[in-house]
């Protein structure tokens, strides 16, 4: 439990520092709220990825892919750059990379 809490706190601090550097406006309260929401989404993605019956490296790669996609959407949201083409490109890219990761993963049965 403590390691998941540590991941959430680290994700919050990293997102907050990253948004302060990347965004073109200076709204610390919005950046803190967006960072908290992003950290909670990372926690949910971490929980979902841990129940997949794939290896540790593949799980970490999937989670990293999800975090990069989340961070890119977060920046595009604050800069006003989300469009249909942007979403479609990211969806295709994410699907292709995730399919490759799942295809090359070592699937094993997990005893619950």
Protein backbone atom coordinates (compact mmCIF):
# COMPACT_ATOMS: atom_id res chain seq x y z
CA UNK A 1 0.00 0.00 0.00
CA UNK A 2 2.82 2.41 0.86
CA UNK A 3 4.51 1.89 -2.50
CA UNK A 4 1.31 2.85 -4.35
CA UNK A 5 0.95 5.95 -2.19
CA UNK A 6 4.57 6.78 -2.98
CA UNK A 7 3.85 6.47 -6.71
CA UNK A 8 0.84 8.80 -6.41
CA UNK A 9 2.82 11.41 -4.48
CA UNK A 10 5.75 11.19 -6.90
CA UNK A 11 3.41 11.46 -9.89
CA UNK A 12 1.75 14.52 -8.37
CA UNK A 13 5.05 16.26 -7.71
CA UNK A 14 6.41 15.41 -11.16
CA UNK A 15 3.26 16.53 -12.98
CA UNK A 16 3.13 19.76 -10.97
CA UNK A 17 6.77 20.61 -11.70
CA UNK A 18 6.39 19.61 -15.35
CA UNK A 19 3.25 21.70 -15.89
CA UNK A 20 4.93 24.69 -14.29
CA UNK A 21 7.74 24.40 -16.84
CA UNK A 22 5.77 23.52 -19.95
CA UNK A 23 2.59 25.55 -19.92
CA UNK A 24 2.59 29.06 -21.29
CA UNK A 25 0.35 30.52 -18.59
CA UNK A 26 0.84 30.83 -14.86
CA UNK A 27 -2.12 29.46 -12.91
CA UNK A 28 -0.66 27.50 -9.99
CA UNK A 29 -4.06 26.42 -8.63
CA UNK A 30 -5.16 24.96 -11.97
CA UNK A 31 -1.79 23.26 -12.38
CA UNK A 32 -2.08 21.76 -8.87
CA UNK A 33 -5.62 20.50 -9.54
CA UNK A 34 -4.62 19.06 -12.92
CA UNK A 35 -1.58 17.44 -11.31
CA UNK A 36 -3.73 15.87 -8.59
CA UNK A 37 -6.17 14.50 -11.16
CA UNK A 38 -3.31 13.20 -13.30
CA UNK A 39 -1.74 11.53 -10.26
CA UNK A 40 -5.03 9.82 -9.43
CA UNK A 41 -5.32 8.66 -13.05
CA UNK A 42 -1.79 7.27 -12.83
CA UNK A 43 -2.81 5.40 -9.67
CA UNK A 44 -5.83 3.92 -11.46
CA UNK A 45 -3.70 2.94 -14.45
CA UNK A 46 -1.12 1.38 -12.11
CA UNK A 47 -3.86 -0.65 -10.42
CA UNK A 48 -5.23 -1.80 -13.78
CA UNK A 49 -1.81 -2.73 -15.17
CA UNK A 50 -0.82 -4.73 -12.09
CA UNK A 51 -3.64 -7.22 -12.61
CA UNK A 52 -2.53 -8.00 -16.18
CA UNK A 53 -0.87 -11.44 -16.46
CA UNK A 54 2.24 -10.11 -18.20
CA UNK A 55 5.78 -9.62 -16.98
CA UNK A 56 7.10 -6.72 -14.95
CA UNK A 57 8.93 -5.06 -17.84
CA UNK A 58 5.88 -5.25 -20.11
CA UNK A 59 3.65 -3.86 -17.35
CA UNK A 60 6.05 -1.00 -16.73
CA UNK A 61 6.20 -0.26 -20.46
CA UNK A 62 2.42 -0.17 -20.77
CA UNK A 63 2.16 2.12 -17.75
CA UNK A 64 4.86 4.40 -19.14
CA UNK A 65 3.03 4.56 -22.47
CA UNK A 66 -0.18 5.51 -20.66
CA UNK A 67 1.59 8.19 -18.60
CA UNK A 68 3.19 9.72 -21.69
CA UNK A 69 -0.17 9.81 -23.46
CA UNK A 70 -1.79 11.40 -20.39
CA UNK A 71 0.91 14.04 -20.11
CA UNK A 72 0.70 14.90 -23.79
CA UNK A 73 -3.09 15.30 -23.60
CA UNK A 74 -2.69 17.40 -20.47
CA UNK A 75 -0.31 19.83 -22.15
CA UNK A 76 -2.41 19.99 -25.31
CA UNK A 77 -5.47 20.71 -23.17
CA UNK A 78 -3.80 23.67 -21.46
CA UNK A 79 -2.38 25.04 -24.71
CA UNK A 80 -5.64 24.50 -26.63
CA UNK A 81 -4.21 22.09 -29.17
CA UNK A 82 -6.50 19.07 -28.86
CA UNK A 83 -8.06 18.34 -32.22
CA UNK A 84 -9.62 15.38 -33.95
CA UNK A 85 -6.40 14.71 -35.89
CA UNK A 86 -4.29 14.90 -32.72
CA UNK A 87 -6.59 12.44 -30.95
CA UNK A 88 -6.69 10.05 -33.90
CA UNK A 89 -2.90 10.08 -34.30
CA UNK A 90 -2.38 9.36 -30.62
CA UNK A 91 -5.02 6.64 -30.62
CA UNK A 92 -3.39 4.88 -33.59
CA UNK A 93 0.09 5.25 -32.10
CA UNK A 94 -1.02 3.99 -28.67
CA UNK A 95 -2.90 1.04 -30.15
CA UNK A 96 0.04 0.00 -32.34
CA UNK A 97 2.62 0.23 -29.53
CA UNK A 98 0.33 -1.47 -26.99
CA UNK A 99 -0.43 -4.28 -29.45
CA UNK A 100 3.30 -4.76 -30.02
CA UNK A 101 3.97 -4.86 -26.27
CA UNK A 102 1.14 -7.33 -25.66
CA UNK A 103 2.23 -9.49 -28.58
CA UNK A 104 5.83 -9.72 -27.36
CA UNK A 105 4.91 -10.21 -23.68
CA UNK A 106 5.29 -13.45 -21.80
CA UNK A 107 1.72 -14.24 -20.74
CA UNK A 108 1.35 -16.36 -17.64
CA UNK A 109 -1.54 -17.55 -15.57
CA UNK A 110 -1.98 -15.60 -12.38
CA UNK A 111 -3.39 -17.26 -9.27
CA UNK A 112 -5.76 -14.90 -7.52
